């Protein structure tokens, strides 16, 4: 597709562009509203004593497929061990 200046007075092109822009604007508004709703859920959970930072990590991990999750956990454990950050819960 060749990029250039749109022809003058092409109503069809003007309308098409306007429709794309309006769709994008509606989607941006929806995204903003969804983001606000998500923040509200985290706030509610925090008021119940849950830790939003940890919850965000769990949500991120749950999005991973099994092989990516396993690799992530293995690397995290390896790095923690190398840095002396492993926690012994038996103590």
PDB file of N, CA and C in Angstrom:
ATOM      1  N   UNK A   1       0.844  -1.175   0.000  1.00  0.00           N
ATOM      2  CA  UNK A   1       0.000   0.000   0.000  1.00  0.00           C
ATOM      3  C   UNK A   1       0.886   1.234   0.000  1.00  0.00           C
ATOM      4  N   UNK A   2       0.642   2.109  -0.908  1.00  0.00           N
ATOM      5  CA  UNK A   2       1.432   3.324  -1.034  1.00  0.00           C
ATOM      6  C   UNK A   2       0.949   4.365  -0.032  1.00  0.00           C
ATOM      7  N   UNK A   3       1.895   4.983   0.641  1.00  0.00           N
ATOM      8  CA  UNK A   3       1.561   5.998   1.633  1.00  0.00           C
ATOM      9  C   UNK A   3       1.758   7.360   1.000  1.00  0.00           C
ATOM     10  N   UNK A   4       0.809   8.232   1.225  1.00  0.00           N
ATOM     11  CA  UNK A   4       0.937   9.573   0.681  1.00  0.00           C
ATOM     12  C   UNK A   4      -0.171  10.459   1.203  1.00  0.00           C
ATOM     13  N   UNK A   5      -0.310  11.603   0.608  1.00  0.00           N
ATOM     14  CA  UNK A   5      -1.341  12.557   1.009  1.00  0.00           C
ATOM     15  C   UNK A   5      -2.664  12.115   0.412  1.00  0.00           C
ATOM     16  N   UNK A   6      -3.718  12.167   1.232  1.00  0.00           N
ATOM     17  CA  UNK A   6      -5.036  11.776   0.750  1.00  0.00           C
ATOM     18  C   UNK A   6      -5.531  12.789  -0.272  1.00  0.00           C
ATOM     19  N   UNK A   7      -6.269  12.321  -1.260  1.00  0.00           N
ATOM     20  CA  UNK A   7      -6.805  13.247  -2.257  1.00  0.00           C
ATOM     21  C   UNK A   7      -7.810  14.213  -1.623  1.00  0.00           C
ATOM     22  N   UNK A   8      -7.853  15.445  -2.130  1.00  0.00           N
ATOM     23  CA  UNK A   8      -8.796  16.444  -1.629  1.00  0.00           C
ATOM     24  C   UNK A   8     -10.219  16.080  -2.018  1.00  0.00           C
ATOM     25  N   UNK A   9     -11.147  16.414  -1.130  1.00  0.00           N
ATOM     26  CA  UNK A   9     -12.575  16.298  -1.416  1.00  0.00           C
ATOM     27  C   UNK A   9     -13.039  14.893  -1.752  1.00  0.00           C
ATOM     28  N   UNK A  10     -12.413  13.887  -1.222  1.00  0.00           N
ATOM     29  CA  UNK A  10     -12.899  12.517  -1.424  1.00  0.00           C
ATOM     30  C   UNK A  10     -13.726  12.153  -0.191  1.00  0.00           C
ATOM     31  N   UNK A  11     -15.021  12.339  -0.284  1.00  0.00           N
ATOM     32  CA  UNK A  11     -15.920  12.146   0.855  1.00  0.00           C
ATOM     33  C   UNK A  11     -15.850  10.720   1.375  1.00  0.00           C
ATOM     34  N   UNK A  12     -15.722   9.750   0.490  1.00  0.00           N
ATOM     35  CA  UNK A  12     -15.650   8.347   0.894  1.00  0.00           C
ATOM     36  C   UNK A  12     -14.426   8.109   1.771  1.00  0.00           C
ATOM     37  N   UNK A  13     -13.290   8.653   1.367  1.00  0.00           N
ATOM     38  CA  UNK A  13     -12.055   8.506   2.144  1.00  0.00           C
ATOM     39  C   UNK A  13     -12.189   9.243   3.474  1.00  0.00           C
ATOM     40  N   UNK A  14     -12.752  10.442   3.439  1.00  0.00           N
ATOM     41  CA  UNK A  14     -12.934  11.217   4.665  1.00  0.00           C
ATOM     42  C   UNK A  14     -13.809  10.462   5.661  1.00  0.00           C
ATOM     43  N   UNK A  15     -14.914   9.894   5.184  1.00  0.00           N
ATOM     44  CA  UNK A  15     -15.831   9.152   6.057  1.00  0.00           C
ATOM     45  C   UNK A  15     -15.171   7.894   6.612  1.00  0.00           C
ATOM     46  N   UNK A  16     -14.433   7.215   5.765  1.00  0.00           N
ATOM     47  CA  UNK A  16     -13.757   5.995   6.195  1.00  0.00           C
ATOM     48  C   UNK A  16     -12.745   6.304   7.289  1.00  0.00           C
ATOM     49  N   UNK A  17     -11.946   7.335   7.088  1.00  0.00           N
ATOM     50  CA  UNK A  17     -10.962   7.739   8.086  1.00  0.00           C
ATOM     51  C   UNK A  17     -11.653   8.132   9.385  1.00  0.00           C
ATOM     52  N   UNK A  18     -12.732   8.899   9.273  1.00  0.00           N
ATOM     53  CA  UNK A  18     -13.474   9.333  10.454  1.00  0.00           C
ATOM     54  C   UNK A  18     -14.006   8.125  11.223  1.00  0.00           C
ATOM     55  N   UNK A  19     -14.513   7.122  10.522  1.00  0.00           N
ATOM     56  CA  UNK A  19     -15.031   5.920  11.177  1.00  0.00           C
ATOM     57  C   UNK A  19     -13.925   5.173  11.920  1.00  0.00           C
ATOM     58  N   UNK A  20     -12.752   5.059  11.296  1.00  0.00           N
ATOM     59  CA  UNK A  20     -11.632   4.396  11.975  1.00  0.00           C
ATOM     60  C   UNK A  20     -11.247   5.149  13.246  1.00  0.00           C
ATOM     61  N   UNK A  21     -11.141   6.457  13.147  1.00  0.00           N
ATOM     62  CA  UNK A  21     -10.759   7.277  14.294  1.00  0.00           C
ATOM     63  C   UNK A  21     -11.790   7.140  15.412  1.00  0.00           C
ATOM     64  N   UNK A  22     -13.069   7.182  15.066  1.00  0.00           N
ATOM     65  CA  UNK A  22     -14.119   7.063  16.080  1.00  0.00           C
ATOM     66  C   UNK A  22     -14.111   5.689  16.742  1.00  0.00           C
ATOM     67  N   UNK A  23     -13.856   4.645  15.967  1.00  0.00           N
ATOM     68  CA  UNK A  23     -13.755   3.298  16.550  1.00  0.00           C
ATOM     69  C   UNK A  23     -12.598   3.225  17.539  1.00  0.00           C
ATOM     70  N   UNK A  24     -11.451   3.783  17.139  1.00  0.00           N
ATOM     71  CA  UNK A  24     -10.277   3.781  18.019  1.00  0.00           C
ATOM     72  C   UNK A  24     -10.584   4.554  19.297  1.00  0.00           C
ATOM     73  N   UNK A  25     -11.239   5.694  19.159  1.00  0.00           N
ATOM     74  CA  UNK A  25     -11.574   6.500  20.337  1.00  0.00           C
ATOM     75  C   UNK A  25     -12.507   5.744  21.284  1.00  0.00           C
ATOM     76  N   UNK A  26     -13.500   5.030  20.737  1.00  0.00           N
ATOM     77  CA  UNK A  26     -14.403   4.234  21.579  1.00  0.00           C
ATOM     78  C   UNK A  26     -13.641   3.130  22.302  1.00  0.00           C
ATOM     79  N   UNK A  27     -12.748   2.469  21.578  1.00  0.00           N
ATOM     80  CA  UNK A  27     -11.959   1.398  22.190  1.00  0.00           C
ATOM     81  C   UNK A  27     -11.022   1.938  23.267  1.00  0.00           C
ATOM     82  N   UNK A  28     -10.423   3.096  23.025  1.00  0.00           N
ATOM     83  CA  UNK A  28      -9.565   3.726  24.035  1.00  0.00           C
ATOM     84  C   UNK A  28     -10.369   4.032  25.298  1.00  0.00           C
ATOM     85  N   UNK A  29     -11.592   4.522  25.132  1.00  0.00           N
ATOM     86  CA  UNK A  29     -12.452   4.813  26.274  1.00  0.00           C
ATOM     87  C   UNK A  29     -12.792   3.530  27.028  1.00  0.00           C
ATOM     88  N   UNK A  30     -13.142   2.473  26.293  1.00  0.00           N
ATOM     89  CA  UNK A  30     -13.444   1.187  26.923  1.00  0.00           C
ATOM     90  C   UNK A  30     -12.237   0.668  27.695  1.00  0.00           C
ATOM     91  N   UNK A  31     -11.054   0.784  27.084  1.00  0.00           N
ATOM     92  CA  UNK A  31      -9.837   0.323  27.750  1.00  0.00           C
ATOM     93  C   UNK A  31      -9.623   1.092  29.053  1.00  0.00           C
ATOM     94  N   UNK A  32      -9.849   2.391  29.014  1.00  0.00           N
ATOM     95  CA  UNK A  32      -9.700   3.218  30.206  1.00  0.00           C
ATOM     96  C   UNK A  32     -10.690   2.791  31.290  1.00  0.00           C
ATOM     97  N   UNK A  33     -11.930   2.537  30.896  1.00  0.00           N
ATOM     98  CA  UNK A  33     -12.955   2.109  31.854  1.00  0.00           C
ATOM     99  C   UNK A  33     -12.626   0.738  32.436  1.00  0.00           C
ATOM    100  N   UNK A  34     -12.135  -0.159  31.608  1.00  0.00           N
ATOM    101  CA  UNK A  34     -11.749  -1.491  32.086  1.00  0.00           C
ATOM    102  C   UNK A  34     -10.582  -1.376  33.066  1.00  0.00           C
ATOM    103  N   UNK A  35      -9.608  -0.540  32.741  1.00  0.00           N
ATOM    104  CA  UNK A  35      -8.471  -0.327  33.641  1.00  0.00           C
ATOM    105  C   UNK A  35      -8.921   0.188  34.997  1.00  0.00           C
ATOM    106  N   UNK A  36      -9.875   1.104  34.984  1.00  0.00           N
ATOM    107  CA  UNK A  36     -10.405   1.636  36.242  1.00  0.00           C
ATOM    108  C   UNK A  36     -11.122   0.535  37.027  1.00  0.00           C
ATOM    109  N   UNK A  37     -11.870  -0.304  36.340  1.00  0.00           N
ATOM    110  CA  UNK A  37     -12.565  -1.414  37.005  1.00  0.00           C
ATOM    111  C   UNK A  37     -11.571  -2.386  37.634  1.00  0.00           C
ATOM    112  N   UNK A  38     -10.500  -2.675  36.926  1.00  0.00           N
ATOM    113  CA  UNK A  38      -9.475  -3.584  37.457  1.00  0.00           C
ATOM    114  C   UNK A  38      -8.831  -2.976  38.700  1.00  0.00           C
ATOM    115  N   UNK A  39      -8.512  -1.688  38.639  1.00  0.00           N
ATOM    116  CA  UNK A  39      -7.933  -1.015  39.810  1.00  0.00           C
ATOM    117  C   UNK A  39      -8.891  -1.083  41.003  1.00  0.00           C
ATOM    118  N   UNK A  40     -10.184  -0.946  40.739  1.00  0.00           N
ATOM    119  CA  UNK A  40     -11.174  -1.029  41.811  1.00  0.00           C
ATOM    120  C   UNK A  40     -11.200  -2.419  42.443  1.00  0.00           C
ATOM    121  N   UNK A  41     -11.069  -3.459  41.627  1.00  0.00           N
ATOM    122  CA  UNK A  41     -11.050  -4.827  42.159  1.00  0.00           C
ATOM    123  C   UNK A  41      -9.828  -5.023  43.048  1.00  0.00           C
ATOM    124  N   UNK A  42      -8.664  -4.555  42.594  1.00  0.00           N
ATOM    125  CA  UNK A  42      -7.458  -4.664  43.421  1.00  0.00           C
ATOM    126  C   UNK A  42      -7.633  -3.900  44.739  1.00  0.00           C
ATOM    127  N   UNK A  43      -8.267  -2.747  44.677  1.00  0.00           N
ATOM    128  CA  UNK A  43      -8.503  -1.954  45.881  1.00  0.00           C
ATOM    129  C   UNK A  43      -9.440  -2.688  46.845  1.00  0.00           C
ATOM    130  N   UNK A  44     -10.494  -3.289  46.311  1.00  0.00           N
ATOM    131  CA  UNK A  44     -11.403  -4.081  47.146  1.00  0.00           C
ATOM    132  C   UNK A  44     -10.657  -5.230  47.814  1.00  0.00           C
ATOM    133  N   UNK A  45      -9.837  -5.920  47.036  1.00  0.00           N
ATOM    134  CA  UNK A  45      -9.073  -7.050  47.577  1.00  0.00           C
ATOM    135  C   UNK A  45      -8.120  -6.575  48.668  1.00  0.00           C
ATOM    136  N   UNK A  46      -7.496  -5.425  48.443  1.00  0.00           N
ATOM    137  CA  UNK A  46      -6.578  -4.878  49.448  1.00  0.00           C
ATOM    138  C   UNK A  46      -7.325  -4.561  50.745  1.00  0.00           C
ATOM    139  N   UNK A  47      -8.536  -4.035  50.615  1.00  0.00           N
ATOM    140  CA  UNK A  47      -9.345  -3.745  51.798  1.00  0.00           C
ATOM    141  C   UNK A  47      -9.714  -5.012  52.567  1.00  0.00           C
ATOM    142  N   UNK A  48      -9.694  -6.144  51.891  1.00  0.00           N
ATOM    143  CA  UNK A  48      -9.968  -7.436  52.527  1.00  0.00           C
ATOM    144  C   UNK A  48      -8.698  -8.091  53.067  1.00  0.00           C
ATOM    145  N   UNK A  49      -7.549  -7.412  52.905  1.00  0.00           N
ATOM    146  CA  UNK A  49      -6.302  -7.918  53.466  1.00  0.00           C
ATOM    147  C   UNK A  49      -5.378  -8.610  52.474  1.00  0.00           C
ATOM    148  N   UNK A  50      -5.760  -8.652  51.201  1.00  0.00           N
ATOM    149  CA  UNK A  50      -4.899  -9.258  50.187  1.00  0.00           C
ATOM    150  C   UNK A  50      -3.884  -8.230  49.695  1.00  0.00           C
ATOM    151  N   UNK A  51      -2.792  -8.708  49.123  1.00  0.00           N
ATOM    152  CA  UNK A  51      -1.714  -7.842  48.647  1.00  0.00           C
ATOM    153  C   UNK A  51      -1.797  -7.707  47.124  1.00  0.00           C
ATOM    154  N   UNK A  52      -2.216  -6.532  46.624  1.00  0.00           N
ATOM    155  CA  UNK A  52      -2.370  -6.339  45.181  1.00  0.00           C
ATOM    156  C   UNK A  52      -1.109  -6.624  44.373  1.00  0.00           C
ATOM    157  N   UNK A  53       0.053  -6.290  44.916  1.00  0.00           N
ATOM    158  CA  UNK A  53       1.303  -6.523  44.185  1.00  0.00           C
ATOM    159  C   UNK A  53       1.488  -8.016  43.911  1.00  0.00           C
ATOM    160  N   UNK A  54       1.215  -8.834  44.915  1.00  0.00           N
ATOM    161  CA  UNK A  54       1.337 -10.285  44.753  1.00  0.00           C
ATOM    162  C   UNK A  54       0.239 -10.796  43.827  1.00  0.00           C
ATOM    163  N   UNK A  55      -0.954 -10.245  43.953  1.00  0.00           N
ATOM    164  CA  UNK A  55      -2.060 -10.656  43.081  1.00  0.00           C
ATOM    165  C   UNK A  55      -1.731 -10.378  41.612  1.00  0.00           C
ATOM    166  N   UNK A  56      -1.106  -9.230  41.343  1.00  0.00           N
ATOM    167  CA  UNK A  56      -0.721  -8.897  39.961  1.00  0.00           C
ATOM    168  C   UNK A  56       0.283  -9.921  39.423  1.00  0.00           C
ATOM    169  N   UNK A  57       1.208 -10.346  40.285  1.00  0.00           N
ATOM    170  CA  UNK A  57       2.178 -11.366  39.870  1.00  0.00           C
ATOM    171  C   UNK A  57       1.471 -12.680  39.550  1.00  0.00           C
ATOM    172  N   UNK A  58       0.501 -13.059  40.381  1.00  0.00           N
ATOM    173  CA  UNK A  58      -0.242 -14.294  40.149  1.00  0.00           C
ATOM    174  C   UNK A  58      -1.018 -14.215  38.835  1.00  0.00           C
ATOM    175  N   UNK A  59      -1.664 -13.089  38.577  1.00  0.00           N
ATOM    176  CA  UNK A  59      -2.407 -12.911  37.324  1.00  0.00           C
ATOM    177  C   UNK A  59      -1.466 -13.068  36.134  1.00  0.00           C
ATOM    178  N   UNK A  60      -0.286 -12.468  36.236  1.00  0.00           N
ATOM    179  CA  UNK A  60       0.709 -12.572  35.158  1.00  0.00           C
ATOM    180  C   UNK A  60       1.134 -14.026  34.949  1.00  0.00           C
ATOM    181  N   UNK A  61       1.386 -14.741  36.045  1.00  0.00           N
ATOM    182  CA  UNK A  61       1.803 -16.145  35.943  1.00  0.00           C
ATOM    183  C   UNK A  61       0.702 -17.016  35.350  1.00  0.00           C
ATOM    184  N   UNK A  62      -0.545 -16.744  35.711  1.00  0.00           N
ATOM    185  CA  UNK A  62      -1.659 -17.552  35.212  1.00  0.00           C
ATOM    186  C   UNK A  62      -1.878 -17.379  33.712  1.00  0.00           C
ATOM    187  N   UNK A  63      -1.385 -16.291  33.147  1.00  0.00           N
ATOM    188  CA  UNK A  63      -1.498 -16.065  31.704  1.00  0.00           C
ATOM    189  C   UNK A  63      -0.514 -16.925  30.909  1.00  0.00           C
ATOM    190  N   UNK A  64       0.546 -17.405  31.575  1.00  0.00           N
ATOM    191  CA  UNK A  64       1.586 -18.178  30.887  1.00  0.00           C
ATOM    192  C   UNK A  64       1.096 -19.587  30.569  1.00  0.00           C
ATOM    193  N   UNK A  65       1.596 -20.120  29.451  1.00  0.00           N
ATOM    194  CA  UNK A  65       1.319 -21.536  29.207  1.00  0.00           C
ATOM    195  C   UNK A  65       2.242 -22.357  30.103  1.00  0.00           C
ATOM    196  N   UNK A  66       1.965 -23.651  30.206  1.00  0.00           N
ATOM    197  CA  UNK A  66       2.673 -24.503  31.170  1.00  0.00           C
ATOM    198  C   UNK A  66       4.181 -24.517  30.974  1.00  0.00           C
ATOM    199  N   UNK A  67       4.647 -24.583  29.731  1.00  0.00           N
ATOM    200  CA  UNK A  67       6.096 -24.657  29.511  1.00  0.00           C
ATOM    201  C   UNK A  67       6.772 -23.332  29.873  1.00  0.00           C
ATOM    202  N   UNK A  68       6.139 -22.210  29.537  1.00  0.00           N
ATOM    203  CA  UNK A  68       6.707 -20.908  29.907  1.00  0.00           C
ATOM    204  C   UNK A  68       6.715 -20.734  31.419  1.00  0.00           C
ATOM    205  N   UNK A  69       5.644 -21.199  32.069  1.00  0.00           N
ATOM    206  CA  UNK A  69       5.559 -21.098  33.523  1.00  0.00           C
ATOM    207  C   UNK A  69       6.663 -21.918  34.181  1.00  0.00           C
ATOM    208  N   UNK A  70       6.844 -23.155  33.713  1.00  0.00           N
ATOM    209  CA  UNK A  70       7.878 -24.031  34.282  1.00  0.00           C
ATOM    210  C   UNK A  70       9.263 -23.419  34.092  1.00  0.00           C
ATOM    211  N   UNK A  71       9.524 -22.887  32.901  1.00  0.00           N
ATOM    212  CA  UNK A  71      10.825 -22.259  32.638  1.00  0.00           C
ATOM    213  C   UNK A  71      11.026 -21.043  33.543  1.00  0.00           C
ATOM    214  N   UNK A  72      10.004 -20.238  33.683  1.00  0.00           N
ATOM    215  CA  UNK A  72      10.076 -19.051  34.540  1.00  0.00           C
ATOM    216  C   UNK A  72      10.402 -19.444  35.981  1.00  0.00           C
ATOM    217  N   UNK A  73       9.685 -20.427  36.499  1.00  0.00           N
ATOM    218  CA  UNK A  73       9.900 -20.862  37.881  1.00  0.00           C
ATOM    219  C   UNK A  73      11.302 -21.442  38.073  1.00  0.00           C
ATOM    220  N   UNK A  74      11.773 -22.220  37.088  1.00  0.00           N
ATOM    221  CA  UNK A  74      13.106 -22.806  37.175  1.00  0.00           C
ATOM    222  C   UNK A  74      14.173 -21.705  37.194  1.00  0.00           C
ATOM    223  N   UNK A  75      14.042 -20.738  36.296  1.00  0.00           N
ATOM    224  CA  UNK A  75      15.011 -19.644  36.245  1.00  0.00           C
ATOM    225  C   UNK A  75      14.965 -18.800  37.517  1.00  0.00           C
ATOM    226  N   UNK A  76      13.780 -18.542  38.009  1.00  0.00           N
ATOM    227  CA  UNK A  76      13.643 -17.765  39.231  1.00  0.00           C
ATOM    228  C   UNK A  76      14.320 -18.474  40.403  1.00  0.00           C
ATOM    229  N   UNK A  77      14.089 -19.767  40.523  1.00  0.00           N
ATOM    230  CA  UNK A  77      14.713 -20.555  41.585  1.00  0.00           C
ATOM    231  C   UNK A  77      16.234 -20.572  41.430  1.00  0.00           C
ATOM    232  N   UNK A  78      16.707 -20.749  40.194  1.00  0.00           N
ATOM    233  CA  UNK A  78      18.147 -20.767  39.919  1.00  0.00           C
ATOM    234  C   UNK A  78      18.788 -19.440  40.311  1.00  0.00           C
ATOM    235  N   UNK A  79      18.161 -18.337  39.921  1.00  0.00           N
ATOM    236  CA  UNK A  79      18.707 -17.017  40.232  1.00  0.00           C
ATOM    237  C   UNK A  79      18.684 -16.753  41.735  1.00  0.00           C
ATOM    238  N   UNK A  80      17.590 -17.127  42.392  1.00  0.00           N
ATOM    239  CA  UNK A  80      17.511 -16.938  43.845  1.00  0.00           C
ATOM    240  C   UNK A  80      18.606 -17.724  44.552  1.00  0.00           C
ATOM    241  N   UNK A  81      18.812 -18.959  44.112  1.00  0.00           N
ATOM    242  CA  UNK A  81      19.846 -19.800  44.719  1.00  0.00           C
ATOM    243  C   UNK A  81      21.217 -19.162  44.523  1.00  0.00           C
ATOM    244  N   UNK A  82      21.490 -18.685  43.308  1.00  0.00           N
ATOM    245  CA  UNK A  82      22.785 -18.073  43.006  1.00  0.00           C
ATOM    246  C   UNK A  82      23.028 -16.820  43.848  1.00  0.00           C
ATOM    247  N   UNK A  83      21.963 -16.131  44.213  1.00  0.00           N
ATOM    248  CA  UNK A  83      22.091 -14.893  44.984  1.00  0.00           C
ATOM    249  C   UNK A  83      21.894 -15.102  46.482  1.00  0.00           C
ATOM    250  N   UNK A  84      21.740 -16.369  46.889  1.00  0.00           N
ATOM    251  CA  UNK A  84      21.550 -16.664  48.306  1.00  0.00           C
ATOM    252  C   UNK A  84      20.225 -16.157  48.850  1.00  0.00           C
ATOM    253  N   UNK A  85      19.204 -16.181  48.020  1.00  0.00           N
ATOM    254  CA  UNK A  85      17.909 -15.633  48.409  1.00  0.00           C
ATOM    255  C   UNK A  85      16.859 -16.696  48.720  1.00  0.00           C
ATOM    256  N   UNK A  86      17.244 -17.960  48.765  1.00  0.00           N
ATOM    257  CA  UNK A  86      16.268 -19.006  49.052  1.00  0.00           C
ATOM    258  C   UNK A  86      15.840 -18.923  50.508  1.00  0.00           C
ATOM    259  N   UNK A  87      14.562 -19.056  50.734  1.00  0.00           N
ATOM    260  CA  UNK A  87      14.004 -18.972  52.081  1.00  0.00           C
ATOM    261  C   UNK A  87      13.704 -20.378  52.569  1.00  0.00           C
ATOM    262  N   UNK A  88      14.169 -20.687  53.785  1.00  0.00           N
ATOM    263  CA  UNK A  88      13.878 -21.981  54.391  1.00  0.00           C
ATOM    264  C   UNK A  88      12.661 -21.804  55.287  1.00  0.00           C
ATOM    265  N   UNK A  89      11.524 -22.355  54.877  1.00  0.00           N
ATOM    266  CA  UNK A  89      10.288 -22.182  55.628  1.00  0.00           C
ATOM    267  C   UNK A  89      10.189 -23.118  56.823  1.00  0.00           C
ATOM    268  N   UNK A  90      11.108 -24.080  56.944  1.00  0.00           N
ATOM    269  CA  UNK A  90      11.069 -25.043  58.041  1.00  0.00           C
ATOM    270  C   UNK A  90      11.598 -24.462  59.340  1.00  0.00           C
ATOM    271  N   UNK A  91      12.258 -23.340  59.268  1.00  0.00           N
ATOM    272  CA  UNK A  91      12.878 -22.764  60.477  1.00  0.00           C
ATOM    273  C   UNK A  91      11.885 -21.999  61.299  1.00  0.00           C
TER     274      UNK A  91
END
